[in-house]
Amino acid sequence: MDLQKNADRISNQVAEAALTANRRPEEVQVIAVTKYVDVKTAQALVQTGVRHIGENRVDKFLEKYEAMKEEPLTWHLIGTLQRRKVKDVINYVDYFHALDSLKLAQEIEKRATHSIKCFLQVNISQEETKHGFSAEEIEEVIAELAKLEKLEIVGLMTMAPIDATPEELKVLFQKTQDLQKRLQKKQLKNMPFTDLSMGMSRDYSIAIGKGSTFVRIGTAFFE
């Protein structure tokens, strides 16, 4: 495993995907998802120039954060967050990618000591096994979310089915981008909806082509 080689390859591929989509490479941030590696490996990855770290679980997030809090990093919590654990982690988070209920949003509002950048998780593929709002539910809930002062809804996050074909991925990511643009036009308080968190190791090039601004890459760093 050559972390520097992998980091350089991913950076080049992200830039290529952005240019192919007539976008600037700097419009896309790469989140290194370190859930499968230990602290030492995550620290070595940071030495390659990675500046965005993502974790799925609260305990692993806190472990990595404690070890690397002096580094100039942006911290992303990308997995499902139980309401009872919000108080333990939310004030160390720069971006939370899995806001999937109004009750969770209200708990974050209660516990946060500063503004938290959040993505609404949207289940565009309507998979029963996935968390997230449907497009219709988001339209219904944003009026209540607009009342919350400590949440900044920066955009939408979605995950595609693991067995989706490239054509199916394009459709799902396009639908997510279309919804993001509709919400952005509403110009709601604390809801810029400027960003899209979509695309992982196997499909980030397709996601970038459909407007993703944050790609969540794990296994490709550690092959």
C-alpha atoms as a PDB file:
ATOM      1  CA  MET A   1       0.000   0.000   0.000  1.00  0.00           C
ATOM      2  CA  ASP A   2       1.608   3.234  -1.226  1.00  0.00           C
ATOM      3  CA  LEU A   3      -0.464   6.034   0.310  1.00  0.00           C
ATOM      4  CA  GLN A   4       1.281   8.854  -1.553  1.00  0.00           C
ATOM      5  CA  LYS A   5       0.868   7.095  -4.902  1.00  0.00           C
ATOM      6  CA  ASN A   6      -2.817   6.420  -4.189  1.00  0.00           C
ATOM      7  CA  ALA A   7      -3.455  10.000  -3.018  1.00  0.00           C
ATOM      8  CA  ASP A   8      -1.796  11.418  -6.138  1.00  0.00           C
ATOM      9  CA  ARG A   9      -3.755   9.057  -8.392  1.00  0.00           C
ATOM     10  CA  ILE A  10      -7.068  10.015  -6.784  1.00  0.00           C
ATOM     11  CA  SER A  11      -6.246  13.711  -6.998  1.00  0.00           C
ATOM     12  CA  ASN A  12      -5.423  13.371 -10.687  1.00  0.00           C
ATOM     13  CA  GLN A  13      -8.563  11.365 -11.425  1.00  0.00           C
ATOM     14  CA  VAL A  14     -10.766  13.865  -9.582  1.00  0.00           C
ATOM     15  CA  ALA A  15      -9.198  16.723 -11.534  1.00  0.00           C
ATOM     16  CA  GLU A  16      -9.681  14.843 -14.805  1.00  0.00           C
ATOM     17  CA  ALA A  17     -13.341  14.114 -14.013  1.00  0.00           C
ATOM     18  CA  ALA A  18     -13.934  17.756 -13.147  1.00  0.00           C
ATOM     19  CA  LEU A  19     -12.309  19.041 -16.336  1.00  0.00           C
ATOM     20  CA  THR A  20     -14.267  16.529 -18.411  1.00  0.00           C
ATOM     21  CA  ALA A  21     -17.447  17.996 -16.877  1.00  0.00           C
ATOM     22  CA  ASN A  22     -16.270  21.555 -17.685  1.00  0.00           C
ATOM     23  CA  ARG A  23     -15.695  22.244 -14.004  1.00  0.00           C
ATOM     24  CA  ARG A  24     -12.673  23.505 -12.093  1.00  0.00           C
ATOM     25  CA  PRO A  25     -10.867  20.762 -10.110  1.00  0.00           C
ATOM     26  CA  GLU A  26     -10.847  22.943  -6.988  1.00  0.00           C
ATOM     27  CA  GLU A  27     -14.653  22.799  -6.926  1.00  0.00           C
ATOM     28  CA  VAL A  28     -14.425  19.188  -5.705  1.00  0.00           C
ATOM     29  CA  GLN A  29     -13.193  18.292  -2.217  1.00  0.00           C
ATOM     30  CA  VAL A  30     -11.943  14.771  -1.549  1.00  0.00           C
ATOM     31  CA  ILE A  31     -12.926  13.346   1.851  1.00  0.00           C
ATOM     32  CA  ALA A  32     -10.635  10.528   2.912  1.00  0.00           C
ATOM     33  CA  VAL A  33     -12.834   8.003   4.705  1.00  0.00           C
ATOM     34  CA  THR A  34     -10.613   6.326   7.290  1.00  0.00           C
ATOM     35  CA  LYS A  35     -13.105   3.952   8.918  1.00  0.00           C
ATOM     36  CA  TYR A  36     -11.209   0.830   7.852  1.00  0.00           C
ATOM     37  CA  VAL A  37      -7.759   1.918   9.061  1.00  0.00           C
ATOM     38  CA  ASP A  38      -6.123   2.650  12.383  1.00  0.00           C
ATOM     39  CA  VAL A  39      -4.931   6.003  13.704  1.00  0.00           C
ATOM     40  CA  LYS A  40      -1.348   5.444  12.563  1.00  0.00           C
ATOM     41  CA  THR A  41      -2.424   4.823   8.964  1.00  0.00           C
ATOM     42  CA  ALA A  42      -4.747   7.839   9.021  1.00  0.00           C
ATOM     43  CA  GLN A  43      -1.886   9.991  10.273  1.00  0.00           C
ATOM     44  CA  ALA A  44       0.329   8.720   7.463  1.00  0.00           C
ATOM     45  CA  LEU A  45      -2.375   9.581   4.940  1.00  0.00           C
ATOM     46  CA  VAL A  46      -2.551  13.137   6.255  1.00  0.00           C
ATOM     47  CA  GLN A  47       1.164  13.448   5.541  1.00  0.00           C
ATOM     48  CA  THR A  48       0.381  12.942   1.823  1.00  0.00           C
ATOM     49  CA  GLY A  49      -1.551  16.216   1.807  1.00  0.00           C
ATOM     50  CA  VAL A  50      -5.083  15.009   2.586  1.00  0.00           C
ATOM     51  CA  ARG A  51      -6.985  17.679   4.500  1.00  0.00           C
ATOM     52  CA  HIS A  52     -10.530  16.315   4.769  1.00  0.00           C
ATOM     53  CA  ILE A  53     -11.106  13.315   7.050  1.00  0.00           C
ATOM     54  CA  GLY A  54     -14.403  11.404   7.207  1.00  0.00           C
ATOM     55  CA  GLU A  55     -15.612   8.821   9.714  1.00  0.00           C
ATOM     56  CA  ASN A  56     -18.855   6.832   9.921  1.00  0.00           C
ATOM     57  CA  ARG A  57     -18.955   5.976  13.618  1.00  0.00           C
ATOM     58  CA  VAL A  58     -18.825   8.317  16.590  1.00  0.00           C
ATOM     59  CA  ASP A  59     -16.237   6.297  18.525  1.00  0.00           C
ATOM     60  CA  LYS A  60     -13.860   6.079  15.577  1.00  0.00           C
ATOM     61  CA  PHE A  61     -14.395   9.754  14.766  1.00  0.00           C
ATOM     62  CA  LEU A  62     -13.454  10.763  18.310  1.00  0.00           C
ATOM     63  CA  GLU A  63     -10.430   8.452  18.323  1.00  0.00           C
ATOM     64  CA  LYS A  64      -9.034   9.960  15.118  1.00  0.00           C
ATOM     65  CA  TYR A  65      -9.957  13.501  16.140  1.00  0.00           C
ATOM     66  CA  GLU A  66      -8.137  13.208  19.473  1.00  0.00           C
ATOM     67  CA  ALA A  67      -5.016  11.904  17.740  1.00  0.00           C
ATOM     68  CA  MET A  68      -4.963  14.529  14.979  1.00  0.00           C
ATOM     69  CA  LYS A  69      -6.755  17.575  16.398  1.00  0.00           C
ATOM     70  CA  GLU A  70      -3.604  19.692  16.083  1.00  0.00           C
ATOM     71  CA  GLU A  71      -3.473  19.077  12.337  1.00  0.00           C
ATOM     72  CA  PRO A  72      -5.121  21.628   9.990  1.00  0.00           C
ATOM     73  CA  LEU A  73      -7.942  19.272   9.032  1.00  0.00           C
ATOM     74  CA  THR A  74     -11.622  19.537   8.165  1.00  0.00           C
ATOM     75  CA  TRP A  75     -13.646  16.862   9.970  1.00  0.00           C
ATOM     76  CA  HIS A  76     -16.632  15.114   8.409  1.00  0.00           C
ATOM     77  CA  LEU A  77     -19.060  12.787  10.176  1.00  0.00           C
ATOM     78  CA  ILE A  78     -20.605  10.864   7.309  1.00  0.00           C
ATOM     79  CA  GLY A  79     -22.515   8.031   8.976  1.00  0.00           C
ATOM     80  CA  THR A  80     -25.839   7.644  10.742  1.00  0.00           C
ATOM     81  CA  LEU A  81     -25.917   9.522  14.054  1.00  0.00           C
ATOM     82  CA  GLN A  82     -28.120   8.399  16.926  1.00  0.00           C
ATOM     83  CA  ARG A  83     -29.729  11.255  18.831  1.00  0.00           C
ATOM     84  CA  ARG A  84     -28.313  10.055  22.145  1.00  0.00           C
ATOM     85  CA  LYS A  85     -24.771  10.405  20.776  1.00  0.00           C
ATOM     86  CA  VAL A  86     -25.144  13.922  19.371  1.00  0.00           C
ATOM     87  CA  LYS A  87     -23.836  15.543  22.547  1.00  0.00           C
ATOM     88  CA  ASP A  88     -20.651  13.448  22.429  1.00  0.00           C
ATOM     89  CA  VAL A  89     -19.473  14.465  18.984  1.00  0.00           C
ATOM     90  CA  ILE A  90     -21.300  17.307  17.299  1.00  0.00           C
ATOM     91  CA  ASN A  91     -19.064  20.151  18.478  1.00  0.00           C
ATOM     92  CA  TYR A  92     -15.987  18.530  16.920  1.00  0.00           C
ATOM     93  CA  VAL A  93     -17.675  18.177  13.531  1.00  0.00           C
ATOM     94  CA  ASP A  94     -17.177  20.631  10.659  1.00  0.00           C
ATOM     95  CA  TYR A  95     -19.589  18.867   8.270  1.00  0.00           C
ATOM     96  CA  PHE A  96     -22.302  16.352   9.100  1.00  0.00           C
ATOM     97  CA  HIS A  97     -23.401  14.412   6.017  1.00  0.00           C
ATOM     98  CA  ALA A  98     -26.292  12.277   7.274  1.00  0.00           C
ATOM     99  CA  LEU A  99     -29.035  14.530   8.621  1.00  0.00           C
ATOM    100  CA  ASP A 100     -32.034  12.265   8.077  1.00  0.00           C
ATOM    101  CA  SER A 101     -34.798  13.474  10.411  1.00  0.00           C
ATOM    102  CA  LEU A 102     -36.245  16.608  11.938  1.00  0.00           C
ATOM    103  CA  LYS A 103     -35.806  15.143  15.439  1.00  0.00           C
ATOM    104  CA  LEU A 104     -32.094  14.687  14.810  1.00  0.00           C
ATOM    105  CA  ALA A 105     -31.841  18.255  13.555  1.00  0.00           C
ATOM    106  CA  GLN A 106     -33.567  19.518  16.698  1.00  0.00           C
ATOM    107  CA  GLU A 107     -31.160  17.537  18.901  1.00  0.00           C
ATOM    108  CA  ILE A 108     -28.194  19.058  17.063  1.00  0.00           C
ATOM    109  CA  GLU A 109     -29.727  22.498  17.581  1.00  0.00           C
ATOM    110  CA  LYS A 110     -29.970  21.751  21.293  1.00  0.00           C
ATOM    111  CA  ARG A 111     -26.402  20.471  21.696  1.00  0.00           C
ATOM    112  CA  ALA A 112     -24.336  22.520  19.255  1.00  0.00           C
ATOM    113  CA  THR A 113     -22.274  25.453  20.517  1.00  0.00           C
ATOM    114  CA  HIS A 114     -21.577  26.762  17.019  1.00  0.00           C
ATOM    115  CA  SER A 115     -23.066  26.534  13.537  1.00  0.00           C
ATOM    116  CA  ILE A 116     -22.801  23.023  12.057  1.00  0.00           C
ATOM    117  CA  LYS A 117     -22.689  22.579   8.299  1.00  0.00           C
ATOM    118  CA  CYS A 118     -25.122  19.783   7.433  1.00  0.00           C
ATOM    119  CA  PHE A 119     -26.177  17.817   4.391  1.00  0.00           C
ATOM    120  CA  LEU A 120     -29.705  16.459   4.225  1.00  0.00           C
ATOM    121  CA  GLN A 121     -29.495  12.766   3.426  1.00  0.00           C
ATOM    122  CA  VAL A 122     -31.835  12.002   0.550  1.00  0.00           C
ATOM    123  CA  ASN A 123     -32.858   8.498  -0.461  1.00  0.00           C
ATOM    124  CA  ILE A 124     -33.216   9.172  -4.164  1.00  0.00           C
ATOM    125  CA  SER A 125     -33.049   5.465  -5.015  1.00  0.00           C
ATOM    126  CA  GLN A 126     -35.887   4.756  -2.524  1.00  0.00           C
ATOM    127  CA  GLU A 127     -34.100   1.736  -1.077  1.00  0.00           C
ATOM    128  CA  GLU A 128     -35.791   0.387   2.013  1.00  0.00           C
ATOM    129  CA  THR A 129     -32.441  -0.366   3.637  1.00  0.00           C
ATOM    130  CA  LYS A 130     -31.186   3.215   3.379  1.00  0.00           C
ATOM    131  CA  HIS A 131     -31.849   6.154   5.675  1.00  0.00           C
ATOM    132  CA  GLY A 132     -32.805   9.543   4.333  1.00  0.00           C
ATOM    133  CA  PHE A 133     -35.617  11.780   3.237  1.00  0.00           C
ATOM    134  CA  SER A 134     -37.527  11.271   0.046  1.00  0.00           C
ATOM    135  CA  ALA A 135     -37.594  14.280  -2.256  1.00  0.00           C
ATOM    136  CA  GLU A 136     -41.180  14.939  -1.197  1.00  0.00           C
ATOM    137  CA  GLU A 137     -40.324  14.771   2.514  1.00  0.00           C
ATOM    138  CA  ILE A 138     -37.557  17.338   2.127  1.00  0.00           C
ATOM    139  CA  GLU A 139     -40.003  19.780   0.588  1.00  0.00           C
ATOM    140  CA  GLU A 140     -42.245  19.260   3.627  1.00  0.00           C
ATOM    141  CA  VAL A 141     -39.590  19.535   6.342  1.00  0.00           C
ATOM    142  CA  ILE A 142     -37.510  22.511   5.217  1.00  0.00           C
ATOM    143  CA  ALA A 143     -39.908  25.038   6.757  1.00  0.00           C
ATOM    144  CA  GLU A 144     -39.256  23.496  10.188  1.00  0.00           C
ATOM    145  CA  LEU A 145     -35.527  23.228   9.558  1.00  0.00           C
ATOM    146  CA  ALA A 146     -35.425  26.920   8.681  1.00  0.00           C
ATOM    147  CA  LYS A 147     -36.355  27.723  12.297  1.00  0.00           C
ATOM    148  CA  LEU A 148     -33.117  26.222  13.611  1.00  0.00           C
ATOM    149  CA  GLU A 149     -30.289  28.682  14.207  1.00  0.00           C
ATOM    150  CA  LYS A 150     -27.277  26.376  14.614  1.00  0.00           C
ATOM    151  CA  LEU A 151     -27.676  24.313  11.456  1.00  0.00           C
ATOM    152  CA  GLU A 152     -26.511  25.476   8.057  1.00  0.00           C
ATOM    153  CA  ILE A 153     -27.990  23.195   5.412  1.00  0.00           C
ATOM    154  CA  VAL A 154     -25.253  23.343   2.813  1.00  0.00           C
ATOM    155  CA  GLY A 155     -26.632  20.699   0.475  1.00  0.00           C
ATOM    156  CA  LEU A 156     -27.739  17.130  -0.142  1.00  0.00           C
ATOM    157  CA  MET A 157     -26.028  13.789   0.400  1.00  0.00           C
ATOM    158  CA  THR A 158     -26.989  10.562  -1.299  1.00  0.00           C
ATOM    159  CA  MET A 159     -25.641   7.028  -1.669  1.00  0.00           C
ATOM    160  CA  ALA A 160     -26.276   4.958  -4.762  1.00  0.00           C
ATOM    161  CA  PRO A 161     -27.144   1.248  -4.666  1.00  0.00           C
ATOM    162  CA  ILE A 162     -23.997  -0.869  -4.603  1.00  0.00           C
ATOM    163  CA  ASP A 163     -25.079  -2.773  -7.712  1.00  0.00           C
ATOM    164  CA  ALA A 164     -26.140   0.257  -9.773  1.00  0.00           C
ATOM    165  CA  THR A 165     -24.925   0.375 -13.362  1.00  0.00           C
ATOM    166  CA  PRO A 166     -23.135   3.471 -14.710  1.00  0.00           C
ATOM    167  CA  GLU A 167     -26.327   4.549 -16.471  1.00  0.00           C
ATOM    168  CA  GLU A 168     -28.372   4.084 -13.300  1.00  0.00           C
ATOM    169  CA  LEU A 169     -25.782   6.078 -11.362  1.00  0.00           C
ATOM    170  CA  LYS A 170     -26.037   8.948 -13.815  1.00  0.00           C
ATOM    171  CA  VAL A 171     -29.816   9.047 -13.386  1.00  0.00           C
ATOM    172  CA  LEU A 172     -29.673   8.952  -9.583  1.00  0.00           C
ATOM    173  CA  PHE A 173     -26.984  11.601  -9.325  1.00  0.00           C
ATOM    174  CA  GLN A 174     -28.784  13.799 -11.855  1.00  0.00           C
ATOM    175  CA  LYS A 175     -32.019  13.577  -9.841  1.00  0.00           C
ATOM    176  CA  THR A 176     -30.127  14.603  -6.715  1.00  0.00           C
ATOM    177  CA  GLN A 177     -28.560  17.567  -8.477  1.00  0.00           C
ATOM    178  CA  ASP A 178     -31.940  18.624  -9.872  1.00  0.00           C
ATOM    179  CA  LEU A 179     -33.419  18.573  -6.360  1.00  0.00           C
ATOM    180  CA  GLN A 180     -30.474  20.528  -4.981  1.00  0.00           C
ATOM    181  CA  LYS A 181     -30.919  23.240  -7.607  1.00  0.00           C
ATOM    182  CA  ARG A 182     -34.657  23.506  -6.878  1.00  0.00           C
ATOM    183  CA  LEU A 183     -33.973  23.920  -3.177  1.00  0.00           C
ATOM    184  CA  GLN A 184     -31.174  26.406  -3.795  1.00  0.00           C
ATOM    185  CA  LYS A 185     -33.547  28.635  -5.743  1.00  0.00           C
ATOM    186  CA  LYS A 186     -35.795  28.941  -2.670  1.00  0.00           C
ATOM    187  CA  GLN A 187     -33.086  31.035  -0.948  1.00  0.00           C
ATOM    188  CA  LEU A 188     -34.168  29.911   2.499  1.00  0.00           C
ATOM    189  CA  LYS A 189     -32.616  31.128   5.731  1.00  0.00           C
ATOM    190  CA  ASN A 190     -29.524  29.115   6.731  1.00  0.00           C
ATOM    191  CA  MET A 191     -30.026  26.855   3.708  1.00  0.00           C
ATOM    192  CA  PRO A 192     -27.695  27.770   0.844  1.00  0.00           C
ATOM    193  CA  PHE A 193     -27.905  24.274  -0.736  1.00  0.00           C
ATOM    194  CA  THR A 194     -24.712  24.963  -2.650  1.00  0.00           C
ATOM    195  CA  ASP A 195     -23.119  21.545  -2.211  1.00  0.00           C
ATOM    196  CA  LEU A 196     -23.596  17.901  -3.120  1.00  0.00           C
ATOM    197  CA  SER A 197     -22.017  15.027  -1.192  1.00  0.00           C
ATOM    198  CA  MET A 198     -22.161  12.049  -3.512  1.00  0.00           C
ATOM    199  CA  GLY A 199     -19.770   9.609  -5.037  1.00  0.00           C
ATOM    200  CA  MET A 200     -17.483   7.036  -3.420  1.00  0.00           C
ATOM    201  CA  SER A 201     -14.452   5.020  -4.535  1.00  0.00           C
ATOM    202  CA  ARG A 202     -16.319   3.127  -7.257  1.00  0.00           C
ATOM    203  CA  ASP A 203     -18.407   5.955  -8.708  1.00  0.00           C
ATOM    204  CA  TYR A 204     -16.906   9.332  -7.846  1.00  0.00           C
ATOM    205  CA  SER A 205     -16.048  10.216 -11.443  1.00  0.00           C
ATOM    206  CA  ILE A 206     -19.701   9.847 -12.436  1.00  0.00           C
ATOM    207  CA  ALA A 207     -20.809  11.876  -9.397  1.00  0.00           C
ATOM    208  CA  ILE A 208     -18.410  14.700 -10.258  1.00  0.00           C
ATOM    209  CA  GLY A 209     -19.930  14.768 -13.723  1.00  0.00           C
ATOM    210  CA  LYS A 210     -23.298  15.424 -12.076  1.00  0.00           C
ATOM    211  CA  GLY A 211     -22.156  18.268  -9.862  1.00  0.00           C
ATOM    212  CA  SER A 212     -20.785  16.621  -6.712  1.00  0.00           C
ATOM    213  CA  THR A 213     -18.657  18.985  -4.619  1.00  0.00           C
ATOM    214  CA  PHE A 214     -17.629  16.441  -1.956  1.00  0.00           C
ATOM    215  CA  VAL A 215     -16.639  12.863  -2.800  1.00  0.00           C
ATOM    216  CA  ARG A 216     -16.225  10.312   0.006  1.00  0.00           C
ATOM    217  CA  ILE A 217     -13.332   8.010  -0.856  1.00  0.00           C
ATOM    218  CA  GLY A 218     -12.153   5.179   1.372  1.00  0.00           C
ATOM    219  CA  THR A 219     -10.938   1.956  -0.198  1.00  0.00           C
ATOM    220  CA  ALA A 220      -9.175   3.633  -3.130  1.00  0.00           C
ATOM    221  CA  PHE A 221      -6.724   5.253  -0.709  1.00  0.00           C
ATOM    222  CA  PHE A 222      -5.799   1.978   0.961  1.00  0.00           C
ATOM    223  CA  GLU A 223      -5.499  -0.523  -1.884  1.00  0.00           C
END
